[in-house]
């Protein structure tokens, strides 16, 4: 396989994973030898097809016509790329989970993820991306959406789970995932599961809500 062929295949994979996808050489390691892959990434970066976010992590530059500027990297995508690269399991902190679910519009100065790997910190633009070694309490759930929602709800606290919060999370969660998330989180704390039932469109007696999501 030529370097040029590796470059073309890498670009197809990058495009196939969506505009904000962040990645490392590990994510395309099957496309060629490590020197070949590194060479392909170097050429793509030099052409401006990809952008180096931090050492070993890349994404595709995205330009906002509204803001007339290049968008900052997606921090969650960068965190996920680092987790894949190093083989860590990670879980967003409560503040990050709320931000990802659009429950908070504040852009934190520190985006903290819990990790079963070592303590690490990276500077991504103006934000510190921090990994804190900790026991991952939500790791038992199979779906990333389940882990994210449970973490956000717990960080909010039962008294702050308003109808607006339920509505916001419900709008964020794809309809085809609602039943799967509910089945995945049956072992969640009582009030958390009750909130999840409302998010999934179930009343406390188990009947489906009339309102469409």
N, C-alpha and C. Protein backbone atom coordinates (compact mmCIF):
# COMPACT_ATOMS: atom_id res chain seq x y z
N UNK A 1 0.84 -1.20 0.00
CA UNK A 1 0.00 0.00 0.00
C UNK A 1 0.87 1.25 0.00
N UNK A 2 0.59 2.17 -0.93
CA UNK A 2 1.39 3.39 -1.02
C UNK A 2 0.97 4.39 0.06
N UNK A 3 1.88 5.34 0.34
CA UNK A 3 1.55 6.40 1.29
C UNK A 3 0.32 7.17 0.84
N UNK A 4 0.22 7.39 -0.49
CA UNK A 4 -0.90 8.15 -1.03
C UNK A 4 -2.21 7.41 -0.80
N UNK A 5 -2.18 6.09 -0.97
CA UNK A 5 -3.38 5.29 -0.74
C UNK A 5 -3.80 5.35 0.73
N UNK A 6 -2.82 5.29 1.62
CA UNK A 6 -3.12 5.40 3.06
C UNK A 6 -3.73 6.75 3.38
N UNK A 7 -3.20 7.79 2.77
CA UNK A 7 -3.72 9.14 2.98
C UNK A 7 -5.18 9.24 2.55
N UNK A 8 -5.50 8.69 1.40
CA UNK A 8 -6.87 8.74 0.90
C UNK A 8 -7.83 7.94 1.78
N UNK A 9 -7.38 6.76 2.21
CA UNK A 9 -8.23 5.94 3.08
C UNK A 9 -8.42 6.59 4.45
N UNK A 10 -7.37 7.22 4.95
CA UNK A 10 -7.48 7.92 6.24
C UNK A 10 -8.49 9.05 6.14
N UNK A 11 -8.42 9.80 5.04
CA UNK A 11 -9.33 10.92 4.86
C UNK A 11 -10.78 10.45 4.75
N UNK A 12 -11.01 9.32 4.08
CA UNK A 12 -12.36 8.77 3.98
C UNK A 12 -12.89 8.37 5.36
N UNK A 13 -12.03 7.77 6.17
CA UNK A 13 -12.46 7.37 7.51
C UNK A 13 -12.76 8.59 8.37
N UNK A 14 -11.91 9.58 8.28
CA UNK A 14 -12.10 10.81 9.06
C UNK A 14 -13.41 11.47 8.69
N UNK A 15 -13.68 11.59 7.40
CA UNK A 15 -14.93 12.19 6.95
C UNK A 15 -16.12 11.33 7.36
N UNK A 16 -15.95 10.02 7.33
CA UNK A 16 -17.05 9.11 7.66
C UNK A 16 -17.47 9.16 9.11
N UNK A 17 -16.60 9.69 9.99
CA UNK A 17 -16.92 9.75 11.41
C UNK A 17 -17.52 11.09 11.82
N UNK A 18 -17.79 11.96 10.88
CA UNK A 18 -18.47 13.21 11.21
C UNK A 18 -17.51 14.37 11.38
N UNK A 19 -18.07 15.57 11.30
CA UNK A 19 -17.28 16.78 11.25
C UNK A 19 -16.45 17.09 12.48
N UNK A 20 -16.94 16.75 13.68
CA UNK A 20 -16.24 17.14 14.90
C UNK A 20 -15.38 16.02 15.48
N UNK A 21 -15.29 14.89 14.78
CA UNK A 21 -14.56 13.72 15.30
C UNK A 21 -13.10 14.06 15.55
N UNK A 22 -12.60 13.70 16.73
CA UNK A 22 -11.18 13.82 17.04
C UNK A 22 -10.59 12.41 17.06
N UNK A 23 -9.32 12.29 16.72
CA UNK A 23 -8.74 10.97 16.53
C UNK A 23 -7.23 11.01 16.71
N UNK A 24 -6.66 9.82 16.84
CA UNK A 24 -5.21 9.68 16.90
C UNK A 24 -4.79 8.65 15.85
N UNK A 25 -3.50 8.45 15.72
CA UNK A 25 -2.99 7.46 14.77
C UNK A 25 -3.54 6.06 15.09
N UNK A 26 -3.85 5.81 16.35
CA UNK A 26 -4.38 4.50 16.74
C UNK A 26 -5.71 4.21 16.05
N UNK A 27 -6.52 5.27 15.80
CA UNK A 27 -7.83 5.08 15.19
C UNK A 27 -7.75 4.68 13.72
N UNK A 28 -6.60 4.87 13.10
CA UNK A 28 -6.45 4.46 11.70
C UNK A 28 -5.24 3.53 11.55
N UNK A 29 -4.85 2.88 12.63
CA UNK A 29 -3.65 2.03 12.62
C UNK A 29 -3.77 0.85 11.67
N UNK A 30 -5.00 0.43 11.37
CA UNK A 30 -5.20 -0.71 10.48
C UNK A 30 -4.97 -0.37 9.01
N UNK A 31 -4.76 0.91 8.71
CA UNK A 31 -4.62 1.32 7.32
C UNK A 31 -3.19 1.21 6.79
N UNK A 32 -2.25 0.92 7.66
CA UNK A 32 -0.86 0.78 7.21
C UNK A 32 0.09 0.69 8.38
N UNK A 33 1.37 0.61 8.08
CA UNK A 33 2.37 0.57 9.14
C UNK A 33 2.39 1.91 9.86
N UNK A 34 2.94 1.94 11.07
CA UNK A 34 2.94 3.18 11.84
C UNK A 34 3.66 4.32 11.10
N UNK A 35 4.84 4.08 10.50
CA UNK A 35 5.48 5.16 9.74
C UNK A 35 4.61 5.67 8.59
N UNK A 36 3.91 4.75 7.92
CA UNK A 36 3.05 5.14 6.80
C UNK A 36 1.88 5.98 7.28
N UNK A 37 1.26 5.54 8.38
CA UNK A 37 0.13 6.29 8.94
C UNK A 37 0.58 7.66 9.41
N UNK A 38 1.71 7.72 10.12
CA UNK A 38 2.22 9.01 10.60
C UNK A 38 2.52 9.95 9.43
N UNK A 39 3.07 9.40 8.37
CA UNK A 39 3.38 10.20 7.20
C UNK A 39 2.11 10.75 6.55
N UNK A 40 1.07 9.91 6.49
CA UNK A 40 -0.21 10.33 5.91
C UNK A 40 -0.82 11.46 6.74
N UNK A 41 -0.78 11.32 8.05
CA UNK A 41 -1.33 12.36 8.93
C UNK A 41 -0.55 13.66 8.78
N UNK A 42 0.77 13.55 8.66
CA UNK A 42 1.60 14.74 8.51
C UNK A 42 1.25 15.48 7.22
N UNK A 43 1.05 14.74 6.13
CA UNK A 43 0.71 15.38 4.85
C UNK A 43 -0.67 16.02 4.91
N UNK A 44 -1.64 15.32 5.54
CA UNK A 44 -3.00 15.87 5.66
C UNK A 44 -3.01 17.13 6.50
N UNK A 45 -2.19 17.14 7.55
CA UNK A 45 -2.10 18.35 8.38
C UNK A 45 -1.47 19.51 7.59
N UNK A 46 -0.45 19.19 6.85
CA UNK A 46 0.24 20.21 6.06
C UNK A 46 -0.69 20.82 5.00
N UNK A 47 -1.58 20.01 4.45
CA UNK A 47 -2.55 20.49 3.46
C UNK A 47 -3.70 21.27 4.10
N UNK A 48 -3.86 21.14 5.43
CA UNK A 48 -4.98 21.79 6.10
C UNK A 48 -6.23 20.93 6.14
N UNK A 49 -6.11 19.69 5.72
CA UNK A 49 -7.27 18.80 5.75
C UNK A 49 -7.62 18.37 7.16
N UNK A 50 -6.60 18.28 8.03
CA UNK A 50 -6.81 17.99 9.44
C UNK A 50 -6.03 19.00 10.26
N UNK A 51 -6.35 19.07 11.54
CA UNK A 51 -5.73 20.04 12.44
C UNK A 51 -5.17 19.30 13.65
N UNK A 52 -3.97 19.65 14.05
CA UNK A 52 -3.39 19.08 15.27
C UNK A 52 -3.94 19.83 16.47
N UNK A 53 -4.66 19.11 17.32
CA UNK A 53 -5.30 19.73 18.49
C UNK A 53 -4.31 19.81 19.64
N UNK A 54 -3.77 18.66 20.00
CA UNK A 54 -2.68 18.54 20.96
C UNK A 54 -1.78 17.43 20.42
N UNK A 55 -0.69 17.19 21.08
CA UNK A 55 0.24 16.18 20.57
C UNK A 55 -0.46 14.83 20.38
N UNK A 56 -0.44 14.34 19.16
CA UNK A 56 -0.99 13.02 18.85
C UNK A 56 -2.48 12.98 18.62
N UNK A 57 -3.19 14.10 18.75
CA UNK A 57 -4.64 14.14 18.56
C UNK A 57 -4.98 15.18 17.50
N UNK A 58 -5.86 14.79 16.57
CA UNK A 58 -6.22 15.63 15.44
C UNK A 58 -7.74 15.73 15.31
N UNK A 59 -8.18 16.72 14.55
CA UNK A 59 -9.58 16.77 14.12
C UNK A 59 -9.62 17.48 12.77
N UNK A 60 -10.83 17.64 12.23
CA UNK A 60 -10.99 18.38 10.99
C UNK A 60 -11.34 19.83 11.32
N UNK A 61 -10.65 20.78 10.74
CA UNK A 61 -11.00 22.19 11.00
C UNK A 61 -12.44 22.46 10.55
N UNK A 62 -13.17 23.15 11.41
CA UNK A 62 -14.55 23.51 11.11
C UNK A 62 -14.69 25.03 11.18
N UNK A 63 -15.26 25.62 10.14
CA UNK A 63 -15.39 27.08 10.08
C UNK A 63 -16.84 27.48 10.25
N UNK A 64 -17.10 28.44 11.14
CA UNK A 64 -18.45 28.95 11.36
C UNK A 64 -18.68 30.19 10.51
N UNK A 65 -19.65 30.09 9.59
CA UNK A 65 -19.98 31.25 8.76
C UNK A 65 -20.63 32.33 9.62
N UNK A 66 -21.40 31.91 10.63
CA UNK A 66 -22.09 32.87 11.50
C UNK A 66 -21.08 33.67 12.30
N UNK A 67 -20.09 32.97 12.88
CA UNK A 67 -19.10 33.63 13.71
C UNK A 67 -17.90 34.14 12.93
N UNK A 68 -17.81 33.71 11.67
CA UNK A 68 -16.68 34.08 10.80
C UNK A 68 -15.35 33.71 11.44
N UNK A 69 -15.31 32.52 12.01
CA UNK A 69 -14.07 32.07 12.64
C UNK A 69 -14.03 30.54 12.67
N UNK A 70 -12.84 30.01 12.86
CA UNK A 70 -12.68 28.57 12.98
C UNK A 70 -13.17 28.12 14.36
N UNK A 71 -13.94 27.05 14.39
CA UNK A 71 -14.49 26.56 15.64
C UNK A 71 -13.40 25.88 16.47
N UNK A 72 -13.54 25.99 17.78
CA UNK A 72 -12.63 25.29 18.68
C UNK A 72 -12.90 23.80 18.61
N UNK A 73 -11.93 22.97 18.97
CA UNK A 73 -12.15 21.52 18.98
C UNK A 73 -13.27 21.13 19.93
N UNK A 74 -13.94 20.05 19.63
CA UNK A 74 -14.96 19.48 20.51
C UNK A 74 -14.24 18.78 21.66
N UNK A 75 -14.35 19.32 22.87
CA UNK A 75 -13.60 18.79 24.01
C UNK A 75 -13.95 17.35 24.32
N UNK A 76 -15.23 17.01 24.20
CA UNK A 76 -15.61 15.62 24.49
C UNK A 76 -15.00 14.67 23.47
N UNK A 77 -14.97 15.09 22.21
CA UNK A 77 -14.34 14.26 21.18
C UNK A 77 -12.85 14.08 21.46
N UNK A 78 -12.19 15.15 21.90
CA UNK A 78 -10.77 15.06 22.24
C UNK A 78 -10.57 14.11 23.42
N UNK A 79 -11.43 14.22 24.43
CA UNK A 79 -11.34 13.33 25.59
C UNK A 79 -11.53 11.88 25.18
N UNK A 80 -12.51 11.61 24.30
CA UNK A 80 -12.76 10.24 23.85
C UNK A 80 -11.59 9.71 23.02
N UNK A 81 -10.99 10.58 22.21
CA UNK A 81 -9.83 10.17 21.40
C UNK A 81 -8.65 9.79 22.29
N UNK A 82 -8.42 10.57 23.34
CA UNK A 82 -7.34 10.26 24.28
C UNK A 82 -7.63 8.95 25.01
N UNK A 83 -8.88 8.73 25.38
CA UNK A 83 -9.25 7.49 26.07
C UNK A 83 -9.00 6.28 25.18
N UNK A 84 -9.36 6.40 23.90
CA UNK A 84 -9.11 5.29 22.98
C UNK A 84 -7.61 5.08 22.79
N UNK A 85 -6.87 6.16 22.68
CA UNK A 85 -5.43 6.08 22.43
C UNK A 85 -4.71 5.35 23.56
N UNK A 86 -5.09 5.66 24.80
CA UNK A 86 -4.39 5.10 25.95
C UNK A 86 -5.10 3.91 26.60
N UNK A 87 -6.28 3.56 26.09
CA UNK A 87 -7.01 2.43 26.66
C UNK A 87 -7.65 2.74 28.00
N UNK A 88 -8.03 3.99 28.22
CA UNK A 88 -8.68 4.37 29.47
C UNK A 88 -10.20 4.22 29.32
N UNK A 89 -10.85 3.98 30.44
CA UNK A 89 -12.30 4.19 30.53
C UNK A 89 -12.48 5.56 31.19
N UNK A 90 -13.37 6.36 30.64
CA UNK A 90 -13.56 7.70 31.19
C UNK A 90 -15.05 7.98 31.41
N UNK A 91 -15.30 8.96 32.24
CA UNK A 91 -16.66 9.35 32.58
C UNK A 91 -16.66 10.85 32.83
N UNK A 92 -17.53 11.62 32.16
CA UNK A 92 -17.52 13.07 32.37
C UNK A 92 -17.94 13.42 33.79
N UNK A 93 -17.34 14.45 34.35
CA UNK A 93 -17.78 14.95 35.65
C UNK A 93 -19.18 15.53 35.50
N UNK A 94 -19.81 15.82 36.61
CA UNK A 94 -21.17 16.34 36.57
C UNK A 94 -21.30 17.60 35.75
N UNK A 95 -20.36 18.55 35.92
CA UNK A 95 -20.42 19.82 35.18
C UNK A 95 -20.29 19.59 33.68
N UNK A 96 -19.39 18.68 33.28
CA UNK A 96 -19.22 18.37 31.86
C UNK A 96 -20.46 17.68 31.31
N UNK A 97 -21.03 16.74 32.09
CA UNK A 97 -22.23 16.03 31.66
C UNK A 97 -23.38 17.02 31.43
N UNK A 98 -23.55 17.97 32.33
CA UNK A 98 -24.60 18.97 32.17
C UNK A 98 -24.38 19.80 30.91
N UNK A 99 -23.13 20.14 30.65
CA UNK A 99 -22.80 20.91 29.46
C UNK A 99 -23.11 20.13 28.19
N UNK A 100 -22.74 18.86 28.17
CA UNK A 100 -22.96 18.02 26.99
C UNK A 100 -24.45 17.81 26.72
N UNK A 101 -25.25 17.78 27.78
CA UNK A 101 -26.70 17.59 27.64
C UNK A 101 -27.43 18.91 27.44
N UNK A 102 -26.68 20.00 27.34
CA UNK A 102 -27.24 21.34 27.11
C UNK A 102 -28.06 21.84 28.30
N UNK A 103 -27.77 21.31 29.48
CA UNK A 103 -28.42 21.80 30.69
C UNK A 103 -27.71 23.04 31.21
N UNK A 104 -26.50 23.26 30.73
CA UNK A 104 -25.72 24.43 31.10
C UNK A 104 -25.07 24.99 29.85
N UNK A 105 -25.12 26.31 29.72
CA UNK A 105 -24.51 26.94 28.54
C UNK A 105 -23.13 27.50 28.87
N UNK A 106 -22.73 27.38 30.12
CA UNK A 106 -21.42 27.89 30.51
C UNK A 106 -20.31 26.99 29.96
N UNK A 107 -19.30 27.59 29.40
CA UNK A 107 -18.13 26.84 28.94
C UNK A 107 -17.12 26.82 30.08
N UNK A 108 -16.90 25.65 30.69
CA UNK A 108 -16.03 25.60 31.86
C UNK A 108 -14.57 25.86 31.50
N UNK A 109 -13.86 26.49 32.43
CA UNK A 109 -12.43 26.70 32.23
C UNK A 109 -11.67 25.39 32.37
N UNK A 110 -12.27 24.44 33.12
CA UNK A 110 -11.69 23.11 33.31
C UNK A 110 -12.75 22.06 32.98
N UNK A 111 -12.48 21.25 32.00
CA UNK A 111 -13.38 20.14 31.66
C UNK A 111 -12.79 18.88 32.30
N UNK A 112 -13.47 18.40 33.34
CA UNK A 112 -12.92 17.30 34.13
C UNK A 112 -13.62 15.99 33.79
N UNK A 113 -12.82 14.97 33.52
CA UNK A 113 -13.31 13.61 33.30
C UNK A 113 -12.70 12.70 34.36
N UNK A 114 -13.52 11.79 34.89
CA UNK A 114 -13.01 10.76 35.76
C UNK A 114 -12.46 9.65 34.88
N UNK A 115 -11.41 9.00 35.33
CA UNK A 115 -10.71 8.03 34.49
C UNK A 115 -10.13 6.91 35.34
N UNK A 116 -10.04 5.72 34.75
CA UNK A 116 -9.34 4.64 35.45
C UNK A 116 -7.86 4.64 35.09
N UNK A 117 -7.44 5.66 34.33
CA UNK A 117 -6.03 5.84 34.01
C UNK A 117 -5.38 6.81 34.98
N UNK A 118 -4.18 7.26 34.66
CA UNK A 118 -3.46 8.17 35.56
C UNK A 118 -4.03 9.59 35.50
N UNK A 119 -3.68 10.39 36.48
CA UNK A 119 -4.05 11.81 36.45
C UNK A 119 -3.29 12.49 35.30
N UNK A 120 -4.03 13.17 34.45
CA UNK A 120 -3.42 13.87 33.32
C UNK A 120 -4.14 15.19 33.08
N UNK A 121 -3.44 16.14 32.50
CA UNK A 121 -4.06 17.41 32.16
C UNK A 121 -3.50 17.90 30.83
N UNK A 122 -4.39 18.41 29.98
CA UNK A 122 -4.01 18.91 28.66
C UNK A 122 -4.63 20.29 28.47
N UNK A 123 -3.97 21.12 27.71
CA UNK A 123 -4.50 22.44 27.37
C UNK A 123 -5.06 22.38 25.96
N UNK A 124 -6.37 22.57 25.84
CA UNK A 124 -7.04 22.57 24.53
C UNK A 124 -7.64 23.95 24.32
N UNK A 125 -6.96 24.76 23.54
CA UNK A 125 -7.38 26.15 23.41
C UNK A 125 -7.22 26.86 24.74
N UNK A 126 -8.33 27.41 25.23
CA UNK A 126 -8.30 28.12 26.52
C UNK A 126 -8.78 27.24 27.67
N UNK A 127 -9.10 26.00 27.37
CA UNK A 127 -9.69 25.12 28.37
C UNK A 127 -8.71 24.04 28.80
N UNK A 128 -8.69 23.76 30.09
CA UNK A 128 -7.89 22.65 30.62
C UNK A 128 -8.73 21.39 30.58
N UNK A 129 -8.26 20.39 29.87
CA UNK A 129 -8.92 19.09 29.81
C UNK A 129 -8.22 18.19 30.82
N UNK A 130 -8.94 17.84 31.89
CA UNK A 130 -8.34 17.18 33.04
C UNK A 130 -8.91 15.79 33.21
N UNK A 131 -8.03 14.82 33.44
CA UNK A 131 -8.44 13.46 33.76
C UNK A 131 -8.02 13.16 35.20
N UNK A 132 -9.01 12.88 36.05
CA UNK A 132 -8.75 12.55 37.45
C UNK A 132 -8.97 11.06 37.67
N UNK A 133 -7.96 10.39 38.21
CA UNK A 133 -8.11 8.97 38.50
C UNK A 133 -9.16 8.78 39.58
N UNK A 134 -10.14 7.93 39.33
CA UNK A 134 -11.22 7.71 40.29
C UNK A 134 -11.96 6.42 39.95
N UNK A 135 -12.73 5.94 40.93
CA UNK A 135 -13.61 4.80 40.68
C UNK A 135 -14.77 5.29 39.80
N UNK A 136 -15.05 4.59 38.74
CA UNK A 136 -16.10 5.02 37.81
C UNK A 136 -17.43 4.40 38.22
N UNK A 137 -18.22 5.18 38.92
CA UNK A 137 -19.46 4.65 39.51
C UNK A 137 -20.50 4.28 38.47
N UNK A 138 -20.47 4.94 37.31
CA UNK A 138 -21.48 4.66 36.29
C UNK A 138 -20.97 3.72 35.20
N UNK A 139 -19.80 3.13 35.42
CA UNK A 139 -19.18 2.31 34.37
C UNK A 139 -19.98 1.05 34.06
N UNK A 140 -20.87 0.65 34.96
CA UNK A 140 -21.64 -0.57 34.74
C UNK A 140 -22.68 -0.45 33.65
N UNK A 141 -23.03 0.77 33.26
CA UNK A 141 -24.02 0.93 32.21
C UNK A 141 -23.38 0.71 30.85
N UNK A 142 -24.11 0.07 29.96
CA UNK A 142 -23.55 -0.29 28.66
C UNK A 142 -23.50 0.90 27.70
N UNK A 143 -24.49 1.76 27.77
CA UNK A 143 -24.59 2.84 26.79
C UNK A 143 -23.93 4.12 27.30
N UNK A 144 -23.17 4.81 26.46
CA UNK A 144 -22.58 6.09 26.88
C UNK A 144 -23.65 7.11 27.23
N UNK A 145 -24.79 7.04 26.55
CA UNK A 145 -25.89 7.97 26.86
C UNK A 145 -26.40 7.75 28.27
N UNK A 146 -26.46 6.49 28.69
CA UNK A 146 -26.91 6.18 30.06
C UNK A 146 -25.96 6.78 31.07
N UNK A 147 -24.66 6.58 30.87
CA UNK A 147 -23.66 7.09 31.81
C UNK A 147 -23.72 8.61 31.90
N UNK A 148 -23.90 9.24 30.74
CA UNK A 148 -23.92 10.69 30.70
C UNK A 148 -25.13 11.25 31.44
N UNK A 149 -26.30 10.70 31.16
CA UNK A 149 -27.53 11.22 31.77
C UNK A 149 -27.53 10.98 33.28
N UNK A 150 -27.16 9.78 33.72
CA UNK A 150 -27.14 9.49 35.16
C UNK A 150 -26.17 10.41 35.87
N UNK A 151 -25.01 10.62 35.29
CA UNK A 151 -24.02 11.51 35.90
C UNK A 151 -24.57 12.93 36.02
N UNK A 152 -25.23 13.41 34.98
CA UNK A 152 -25.78 14.76 35.00
C UNK A 152 -26.88 14.89 36.05
N UNK A 153 -27.76 13.91 36.11
CA UNK A 153 -28.86 13.95 37.08
C UNK A 153 -28.33 13.95 38.51
N UNK A 154 -27.36 13.08 38.77
CA UNK A 154 -26.79 13.01 40.12
C UNK A 154 -26.11 14.31 40.51
N UNK A 155 -25.44 14.94 39.56
CA UNK A 155 -24.75 16.18 39.88
C UNK A 155 -25.74 17.32 40.13
N UNK A 156 -26.90 17.27 39.46
CA UNK A 156 -27.92 18.28 39.69
C UNK A 156 -28.57 18.11 41.06
N UNK A 157 -28.85 16.86 41.43
CA UNK A 157 -29.57 16.60 42.67
C UNK A 157 -31.06 16.51 42.42
N UNK A 158 -31.73 15.68 43.17
CA UNK A 158 -33.14 15.41 42.95
C UNK A 158 -34.00 16.67 42.94
N UNK A 159 -33.69 17.60 43.84
CA UNK A 159 -34.53 18.80 43.97
C UNK A 159 -34.41 19.74 42.77
N UNK A 160 -33.40 19.55 41.95
CA UNK A 160 -33.20 20.43 40.79
C UNK A 160 -33.60 19.77 39.47
N UNK A 161 -34.17 18.57 39.53
CA UNK A 161 -34.61 17.90 38.30
C UNK A 161 -36.03 18.38 37.99
N UNK A 162 -36.10 19.50 37.32
CA UNK A 162 -37.36 20.17 36.99
C UNK A 162 -37.95 19.62 35.69
N UNK A 163 -39.21 19.96 35.40
CA UNK A 163 -39.78 19.57 34.10
C UNK A 163 -38.94 20.09 32.93
N UNK A 164 -38.32 21.27 33.10
CA UNK A 164 -37.47 21.82 32.04
C UNK A 164 -36.24 20.95 31.81
N UNK A 165 -35.67 20.45 32.90
CA UNK A 165 -34.51 19.55 32.79
C UNK A 165 -34.90 18.27 32.07
N UNK A 166 -36.04 17.70 32.46
CA UNK A 166 -36.53 16.48 31.80
C UNK A 166 -36.74 16.72 30.32
N UNK A 167 -37.36 17.85 29.99
CA UNK A 167 -37.65 18.18 28.59
C UNK A 167 -36.37 18.37 27.78
N UNK A 168 -35.38 19.02 28.38
CA UNK A 168 -34.11 19.27 27.68
C UNK A 168 -33.38 17.96 27.38
N UNK A 169 -33.32 17.08 28.38
CA UNK A 169 -32.63 15.80 28.17
C UNK A 169 -33.40 14.95 27.17
N UNK A 170 -34.74 14.97 27.26
CA UNK A 170 -35.57 14.19 26.34
C UNK A 170 -35.36 14.65 24.90
N UNK A 171 -35.23 15.97 24.71
CA UNK A 171 -35.00 16.49 23.36
C UNK A 171 -33.62 16.09 22.85
N UNK A 172 -32.66 15.99 23.77
CA UNK A 172 -31.29 15.61 23.39
C UNK A 172 -31.19 14.14 23.02
N UNK A 173 -31.92 13.29 23.74
CA UNK A 173 -31.80 11.84 23.57
C UNK A 173 -32.65 11.37 22.39
N UNK A 174 -32.01 10.72 21.44
CA UNK A 174 -32.71 10.23 20.24
C UNK A 174 -33.86 9.30 20.64
N UNK A 175 -35.03 9.45 20.01
CA UNK A 175 -36.18 8.63 20.36
C UNK A 175 -35.91 7.13 20.34
N UNK A 176 -35.09 6.68 19.39
CA UNK A 176 -34.82 5.24 19.29
C UNK A 176 -33.92 4.72 20.40
N UNK A 177 -33.36 5.64 21.22
CA UNK A 177 -32.49 5.23 22.33
C UNK A 177 -33.20 5.26 23.68
N UNK A 178 -34.36 5.86 23.75
CA UNK A 178 -35.01 6.09 25.04
C UNK A 178 -35.32 4.78 25.78
N UNK A 179 -35.93 3.83 25.09
CA UNK A 179 -36.26 2.55 25.72
C UNK A 179 -34.98 1.79 26.09
N UNK A 180 -33.97 1.89 25.25
CA UNK A 180 -32.70 1.19 25.53
C UNK A 180 -32.01 1.77 26.76
N UNK A 181 -32.02 3.09 26.88
CA UNK A 181 -31.41 3.73 28.05
C UNK A 181 -32.17 3.34 29.31
N UNK A 182 -33.49 3.31 29.23
CA UNK A 182 -34.30 2.94 30.39
C UNK A 182 -34.01 1.52 30.83
N UNK A 183 -33.89 0.60 29.88
CA UNK A 183 -33.57 -0.79 30.22
C UNK A 183 -32.16 -0.91 30.78
N UNK A 184 -31.26 -0.07 30.28
CA UNK A 184 -29.85 -0.11 30.69
C UNK A 184 -29.65 0.40 32.11
N UNK A 185 -30.57 1.24 32.58
CA UNK A 185 -30.35 1.94 33.86
C UNK A 185 -31.28 1.45 34.98
N UNK A 186 -31.77 0.23 34.86
CA UNK A 186 -32.70 -0.29 35.86
C UNK A 186 -32.10 -0.34 37.27
N UNK A 187 -30.78 -0.41 37.36
CA UNK A 187 -30.13 -0.49 38.68
C UNK A 187 -29.78 0.88 39.24
N UNK A 188 -30.16 1.95 38.54
CA UNK A 188 -29.86 3.30 39.02
C UNK A 188 -30.64 3.61 40.29
N UNK A 189 -30.15 4.57 41.07
CA UNK A 189 -30.83 5.04 42.28
C UNK A 189 -32.29 5.36 41.97
N UNK A 190 -33.16 5.11 42.94
CA UNK A 190 -34.60 5.25 42.75
C UNK A 190 -35.06 6.53 42.09
N UNK A 191 -34.67 7.69 42.65
CA UNK A 191 -35.14 8.95 42.08
C UNK A 191 -34.54 9.22 40.71
N UNK A 192 -33.31 8.72 40.49
CA UNK A 192 -32.68 8.87 39.17
C UNK A 192 -33.45 8.06 38.13
N UNK A 193 -33.81 6.84 38.50
CA UNK A 193 -34.56 5.99 37.56
C UNK A 193 -35.94 6.57 37.29
N UNK A 194 -36.56 7.16 38.32
CA UNK A 194 -37.86 7.81 38.12
C UNK A 194 -37.74 8.95 37.11
N UNK A 195 -36.64 9.72 37.19
CA UNK A 195 -36.42 10.79 36.23
C UNK A 195 -36.18 10.22 34.83
N UNK A 196 -35.46 9.12 34.77
CA UNK A 196 -35.20 8.47 33.48
C UNK A 196 -36.50 7.96 32.85
N UNK A 197 -37.42 7.49 33.66
CA UNK A 197 -38.72 7.05 33.13
C UNK A 197 -39.45 8.23 32.51
N UNK A 198 -39.37 9.38 33.14
CA UNK A 198 -40.02 10.57 32.58
C UNK A 198 -39.32 10.99 31.28
N UNK A 199 -38.00 10.90 31.26
CA UNK A 199 -37.25 11.24 30.05
C UNK A 199 -37.63 10.29 28.90
N UNK A 200 -37.82 9.02 29.25
CA UNK A 200 -38.17 8.02 28.23
C UNK A 200 -39.62 8.09 27.80
N UNK A 201 -40.43 8.94 28.49
CA UNK A 201 -41.83 9.08 28.13
C UNK A 201 -42.74 8.13 28.86
N UNK A 202 -42.29 7.67 30.03
CA UNK A 202 -43.11 6.76 30.83
C UNK A 202 -43.58 7.48 32.08
N UNK A 203 -44.85 7.26 32.43
CA UNK A 203 -45.36 7.76 33.70
C UNK A 203 -44.92 6.83 34.81
N UNK A 204 -45.12 7.22 36.06
CA UNK A 204 -44.68 6.40 37.19
C UNK A 204 -45.36 5.05 37.24
N UNK A 205 -46.55 4.96 36.60
CA UNK A 205 -47.24 3.66 36.60
C UNK A 205 -46.84 2.80 35.42
N UNK A 206 -45.89 3.33 34.58
CA UNK A 206 -45.37 2.55 33.46
C UNK A 206 -46.08 2.78 32.15
N UNK A 207 -47.14 3.62 32.15
CA UNK A 207 -47.87 3.85 30.92
C UNK A 207 -47.12 4.90 30.09
N UNK A 208 -47.27 4.81 28.78
CA UNK A 208 -46.57 5.75 27.91
C UNK A 208 -47.26 7.10 27.95
N UNK A 209 -46.47 8.15 27.85
CA UNK A 209 -47.03 9.48 27.79
C UNK A 209 -47.67 9.71 26.43
N UNK A 210 -48.64 10.63 26.42
CA UNK A 210 -49.29 10.93 25.17
C UNK A 210 -48.43 11.85 24.30
N UNK A 211 -47.64 12.69 24.97
CA UNK A 211 -46.86 13.68 24.20
C UNK A 211 -45.73 13.02 23.45
N UNK A 212 -45.52 13.44 22.26
CA UNK A 212 -44.43 12.90 21.44
C UNK A 212 -43.16 13.62 21.78
N UNK A 213 -42.00 12.90 21.61
CA UNK A 213 -40.71 13.52 21.90
C UNK A 213 -40.12 14.10 20.65
